Amino acid sequence: MCFFNRKNARHLETEVSGIKLCNPVGVLLPPDTPATCCRKARTGFLTLTLPLPKDDELAWITQLNQRRGDHALLAVNLSHDIPRHFSLTYDFADLLIIDPDPSGGIGSPDVSDILSLLDNLLSLRLCYERFTPVYVRFPQGISPEEMEPLLHYCQMSSVDGVVAPGLRMVRQVAEATLGRIPIMGSTQDIQEAGEMLQAGASLVEINARSLPVMKFIKSLEKNKLAK
């Protein structure tokens, strides 16, 4: 799969988990954002979050199907009723992010529960002919001790990458895995996004307005050309 938009970040093309992107920068969009918005995207990828109200799901999935082949890669973040939404979106998303802790670290689930969920989803993936990368979003409140078995599982299984919230966690994952698994850093801060890329993240997902993100992409391209 290839999602080039050569008008932007011409020298920032990258390949992660078998997918080619025009640049490594993505935007985390609100849950009510229509899937058709990605037709105008200038970032490497967009992250949309499920769930939606059940009445909207069919229309949303139809939009996913219609936008295939557009420039921006579409990552779908699954945060509730994950096995069901995994089945609904697997054939239409370009990347699936399993988010077992949508509370953002408050009342984080047991690591054993996360591993059991991943076992079920990775087994379910064997039923599909199409390959869709599966990433795991680590809970913000996870301790280094809790993170160790989860990282070990991701490296030994067919999990394709991890989403690490915050620069500290990006560094921890990069150090622990020695670059053996792709890292998507997740942040609200543009400066921290740059530090995440320097610390070993392959991708960065930014929860910010589009204008600062586009300026960030242009600065990355300028730095790339200067090297």
Protein backbone atom coordinates (compact mmCIF):
# COMPACT_ATOMS: atom_id res chain seq x y z
CA MET A 1 0.00 0.00 0.00
CA CYS A 2 1.30 3.47 -0.85
CA PHE A 3 -0.08 6.80 0.36
CA PHE A 4 2.16 9.47 -1.21
CA ASN A 5 1.21 13.11 -1.36
CA ARG A 6 4.33 14.50 -3.03
CA LYS A 7 3.28 18.13 -2.62
CA ASN A 8 4.10 17.76 1.06
CA ALA A 9 7.24 16.56 2.81
CA ARG A 10 8.87 15.34 -0.41
CA HIS A 11 11.93 14.05 1.44
CA LEU A 12 10.16 12.50 4.42
CA GLU A 13 8.82 9.32 2.81
CA THR A 14 9.01 6.37 5.16
CA GLU A 15 7.91 2.75 5.33
CA VAL A 16 6.58 1.30 8.56
CA SER A 17 4.93 -2.10 9.07
CA GLY A 18 4.85 -2.67 5.32
CA ILE A 19 3.08 0.63 4.62
CA LYS A 20 4.62 3.56 2.75
CA LEU A 21 3.78 7.04 4.01
CA CYS A 22 4.59 10.45 2.57
CA ASN A 23 5.76 11.54 6.05
CA PRO A 24 5.81 10.12 9.58
CA VAL A 25 3.41 12.66 11.10
CA GLY A 26 -0.24 11.95 11.87
CA VAL A 27 -3.14 13.74 13.53
CA LEU A 28 -5.47 12.30 16.16
CA LEU A 29 -8.97 13.42 15.19
CA PRO A 30 -12.11 13.71 17.36
CA PRO A 31 -14.41 10.64 17.39
CA ASP A 32 -17.16 12.45 15.44
CA THR A 33 -14.89 13.28 12.49
CA PRO A 34 -16.26 11.84 9.23
CA ALA A 35 -14.02 9.32 7.49
CA THR A 36 -14.24 11.29 4.25
CA CYS A 37 -12.12 14.07 5.77
CA CYS A 38 -8.95 12.14 4.93
CA ARG A 39 -9.39 13.00 1.26
CA LYS A 40 -7.97 16.44 2.01
CA ALA A 41 -5.31 15.31 4.47
CA ARG A 42 -1.74 16.52 4.09
CA THR A 43 -0.28 14.45 6.90
CA GLY A 44 1.14 10.96 6.60
CA PHE A 45 -1.83 9.46 8.43
CA LEU A 46 -4.97 10.24 10.38
CA THR A 47 -6.25 8.48 13.49
CA LEU A 48 -10.02 8.21 13.93
CA THR A 49 -11.50 6.75 17.10
CA LEU A 50 -14.35 4.31 17.53
CA PRO A 51 -16.88 3.84 19.03
CA LEU A 52 -19.57 5.86 17.36
CA PRO A 53 -23.28 5.62 18.12
CA LYS A 54 -24.47 2.30 16.69
CA ASP A 55 -26.83 4.09 14.31
CA ASP A 56 -23.83 5.79 12.68
CA GLU A 57 -21.60 2.73 12.35
CA LEU A 58 -22.86 1.51 8.96
CA ALA A 59 -22.52 4.97 7.39
CA TRP A 60 -19.07 5.34 8.90
CA ILE A 61 -17.90 1.95 7.58
CA THR A 62 -19.29 2.86 4.14
CA GLN A 63 -17.21 6.04 4.21
CA LEU A 64 -14.14 3.99 5.10
CA ASN A 65 -14.72 1.81 2.06
CA GLN A 66 -15.23 4.82 -0.22
CA ARG A 67 -12.02 6.58 0.86
CA ARG A 68 -9.68 3.65 0.17
CA GLY A 69 -6.96 4.71 -2.23
CA ASP A 70 -6.84 8.31 -0.99
CA HIS A 71 -3.48 9.80 -0.10
CA ALA A 72 -3.57 9.68 3.70
CA LEU A 73 -3.27 6.46 5.61
CA LEU A 74 -6.19 5.90 7.96
CA ALA A 75 -5.54 4.46 11.41
CA VAL A 76 -8.62 3.43 13.40
CA ASN A 77 -8.33 3.55 17.19
CA LEU A 78 -10.53 0.91 18.87
CA SER A 79 -11.36 1.76 22.48
CA HIS A 80 -14.67 0.04 23.36
CA ASP A 81 -16.32 -3.21 22.29
CA ILE A 82 -12.96 -3.88 20.69
CA PRO A 83 -13.48 -7.42 19.25
CA ARG A 84 -16.67 -6.34 17.48
CA HIS A 85 -15.19 -3.13 16.07
CA PHE A 86 -12.04 -5.02 15.08
CA SER A 87 -14.17 -7.28 12.89
CA LEU A 88 -16.17 -4.37 11.45
CA THR A 89 -13.18 -2.24 10.45
CA TYR A 90 -10.40 -4.74 9.68
CA ASP A 91 -10.94 -4.79 5.92
CA PHE A 92 -11.34 -1.01 5.59
CA ALA A 93 -8.71 0.53 7.89
CA ASP A 94 -5.06 0.83 6.88
CA LEU A 95 -3.89 0.35 10.46
CA LEU A 96 -5.74 -0.72 13.61
CA ILE A 97 -4.80 0.59 17.05
CA ILE A 98 -5.99 -1.43 20.04
CA ASP A 99 -6.61 0.99 22.92
CA PRO A 100 -7.44 -1.08 26.01
CA ASP A 101 -7.39 1.95 28.31
CA PRO A 102 -9.46 4.83 26.93
CA SER A 103 -9.53 6.33 30.43
CA GLY A 104 -6.02 7.65 29.84
CA GLY A 105 -4.39 5.87 32.74
CA ILE A 106 -7.22 6.13 35.28
CA GLY A 107 -8.14 2.63 36.38
CA SER A 108 -5.82 1.01 33.85
CA PRO A 109 -6.72 -2.57 32.98
CA ASP A 110 -4.65 -5.51 34.18
CA VAL A 111 -1.80 -6.41 31.84
CA SER A 112 -3.08 -9.99 31.83
CA ASP A 113 -6.42 -8.73 30.50
CA ILE A 114 -4.64 -6.82 27.72
CA LEU A 115 -2.64 -9.91 26.75
CA SER A 116 -5.80 -12.03 26.66
CA LEU A 117 -7.53 -9.46 24.44
CA LEU A 118 -4.56 -9.38 22.08
CA ASP A 119 -4.46 -13.18 21.90
CA ASN A 120 -8.09 -13.21 20.76
CA LEU A 121 -7.65 -10.44 18.20
CA LEU A 122 -4.48 -11.86 16.66
CA SER A 123 -6.18 -15.24 16.34
CA LEU A 124 -9.16 -13.52 14.69
CA ARG A 125 -6.81 -11.82 12.22
CA LEU A 126 -5.84 -15.23 10.83
CA CYS A 127 -9.34 -15.47 9.35
CA TYR A 128 -8.75 -12.55 6.97
CA GLU A 129 -6.95 -12.65 3.64
CA ARG A 130 -6.01 -8.96 3.80
CA PHE A 131 -3.10 -7.89 6.02
CA THR A 132 -3.83 -4.93 8.27
CA PRO A 133 -1.12 -3.90 10.77
CA VAL A 134 -2.19 -4.04 14.43
CA TYR A 135 -0.66 -1.67 16.98
CA VAL A 136 -1.23 -1.56 20.75
CA ARG A 137 -1.69 1.75 22.55
CA PHE A 138 0.01 1.48 25.94
CA PRO A 139 -1.94 2.90 28.90
CA GLN A 140 -0.54 6.20 30.15
CA GLY A 141 -0.52 5.02 33.73
CA ILE A 142 1.43 1.82 33.11
CA SER A 143 4.56 1.31 35.22
CA PRO A 144 7.90 0.07 33.83
CA GLU A 145 7.32 -3.23 35.65
CA GLU A 146 3.90 -3.66 34.03
CA MET A 147 5.23 -2.59 30.67
CA GLU A 148 7.91 -5.30 30.57
CA PRO A 149 5.61 -8.33 30.00
CA LEU A 150 3.51 -6.34 27.53
CA LEU A 151 6.58 -5.38 25.52
CA HIS A 152 7.83 -8.96 25.62
CA TYR A 153 4.48 -10.16 24.28
CA CYS A 154 4.49 -7.59 21.47
CA GLN A 155 7.96 -8.65 20.35
CA MET A 156 7.21 -12.37 20.48
CA SER A 157 3.77 -12.22 18.86
CA SER A 158 2.51 -10.81 15.57
CA VAL A 159 1.75 -7.37 17.03
CA ASP A 160 3.11 -4.93 14.46
CA GLY A 161 3.88 -1.91 16.63
CA VAL A 162 3.14 0.04 19.80
CA VAL A 163 1.70 3.50 20.46
CA ALA A 164 3.58 5.19 23.30
CA PRO A 165 2.01 8.24 24.98
CA GLY A 166 4.69 10.69 26.03
CA LEU A 167 8.42 11.08 25.38
CA ARG A 168 9.41 9.11 28.47
CA MET A 169 7.57 6.03 27.29
CA VAL A 170 8.94 6.35 23.75
CA ARG A 171 12.45 6.29 25.21
CA GLN A 172 11.64 3.34 27.46
CA VAL A 173 10.19 1.30 24.60
CA ALA A 174 13.04 2.16 22.23
CA GLU A 175 15.64 1.19 24.83
CA ALA A 176 13.87 -2.03 25.79
CA THR A 177 13.24 -3.25 22.22
CA LEU A 178 16.46 -1.97 20.57
CA GLY A 179 14.41 -0.87 17.58
CA ARG A 180 12.93 -4.31 16.94
CA ILE A 181 9.35 -3.06 16.89
CA PRO A 182 7.96 0.18 15.37
CA ILE A 183 6.94 2.91 17.83
CA MET A 184 4.26 5.52 17.24
CA GLY A 185 4.70 8.37 19.70
CA SER A 186 1.51 10.13 20.79
CA THR A 187 1.49 13.69 22.12
CA GLN A 188 -0.31 17.04 22.19
CA ASP A 189 2.96 18.97 22.02
CA ILE A 190 4.66 19.76 18.71
CA GLN A 191 8.13 20.10 20.26
CA GLU A 192 7.76 16.77 22.04
CA ALA A 193 6.78 15.17 18.72
CA GLY A 194 10.15 16.14 17.29
CA GLU A 195 11.93 14.76 20.34
CA MET A 196 10.00 11.51 19.96
CA LEU A 197 11.31 11.05 16.42
CA GLN A 198 14.85 11.70 17.65
CA ALA A 199 14.33 9.21 20.49
CA GLY A 200 13.43 6.36 18.14
CA ALA A 201 9.76 6.74 17.20
CA SER A 202 9.00 5.75 13.60
CA LEU A 203 5.74 7.73 13.59
CA VAL A 204 4.21 10.50 15.70
CA GLU A 205 0.51 11.04 16.31
CA ILE A 206 -0.29 14.62 17.33
CA ASN A 207 -3.49 15.75 19.01
CA ALA A 208 -3.36 19.36 17.80
CA ARG A 209 -4.80 21.81 15.27
CA SER A 210 -3.76 21.27 11.66
CA LEU A 211 -1.79 24.51 11.13
CA PRO A 212 0.90 23.83 13.79
CA VAL A 213 1.17 20.25 12.52
CA MET A 214 1.76 21.41 8.94
CA LYS A 215 4.43 23.86 10.14
CA PHE A 216 6.04 20.97 12.00
CA ILE A 217 6.10 18.84 8.86
CA LYS A 218 7.70 21.68 6.90
CA SER A 219 10.37 22.08 9.59
CA LEU A 220 11.12 18.35 9.40
CA GLU A 221 11.55 18.60 5.65
CA LYS A 222 13.86 21.61 5.98
CA ASN A 223 16.00 19.79 8.55
CA LYS A 224 16.09 16.71 6.32
CA LEU A 225 17.33 18.76 3.37
CA ALA A 226 19.96 20.48 5.52
CA LYS A 227 21.60 17.22 6.52
